[in-house]
């Protein structure tokens, strides 16, 4: 493939996501969980067969579907993620991405960010369905991350933990399952309190996990903690606010305590991993200039009295964990 063809494909790449969005809108994956012919698929979806053929063949080219003897079926690797009966289903994420693309002008937002004109708040959608889908995504994706974080915290004193932006309590629940003596405080916006209470009611951790309606920018941290967790939260803030957040959490950590940063950090070149670059570019359209390396975080925290003691990278994950000790 020559450079001209590559540029042509890159300039039209948004059409790839549009195909996936349309498939989700049609509930197409509900019918490809088992083999189905193109003719029958067109009938159950009530669409024209010829354009549907192009759509499903493109999904097959992406290896989301596979075709055999005229029948289409969801590829084994994707089947659990697109099953309506699986709690780890990705369809909620696809719905949010679809809604975002329909209601936003990414080109304009990127231009605004580059010129400092962006005032759009990250995750600003207030539609109930979007909020509910977002909470489900956070809960499902956060369960595994909480295990990884707990593994790191088992090496340190962890009696008191503050989870900033703890949302529906996913990390808190996961930590309490593994760290027996831990109590967790969650700081998050008032809108998150009801889904948090619904989620925590399923577990016997009410005495160990408490929710506080707090804005990390506007409000103070009332206590000091052995551990403070900033997981997938720093990239939600504008560049001008990140330093003040780091200063605030550094003052609230006990001597010998640790701060856990879990986010999409880049390598020293600033160009890898590719998944992190794509996420960071998307956040830039919201005015959030988050493109940091572990070394950048080390340099920011050292004047605040914390030392970077570990970076944990995970295969096939864009996120990594930084452990900073006071």
Foldseek 3Di string as FASTA:
>chain_A
DDPVVVVVCVVVVVVVLVLVLVCLVLVVQQVQQDWDALVVSCVVSVHDSVVVVVSQVVCVVVVQWPDDPRIIHGHPVCSLQCDPPHLNHCSLVSVLVVVDVVPDDLVVLLVCLVVVNFPFAPPPDPPPSNVVSVLSNCLNVCQVVLVVVLVVCVVADAQEEEEEQCQLVNSVVNNCVRPVNHAYEYEDAPVRPVSNVVNCVVDPCPVRYYYDHDDLQPDADPAAGLEYEDAQPLQRDAPVRNLVSLLRNLVRYDAFGKYKYKAQEAAPVLCDDVVSVVVQSSSSSNSRNDRHHPVRVQVSCVVSPWHFDDWADDPPDSIIMTIITD
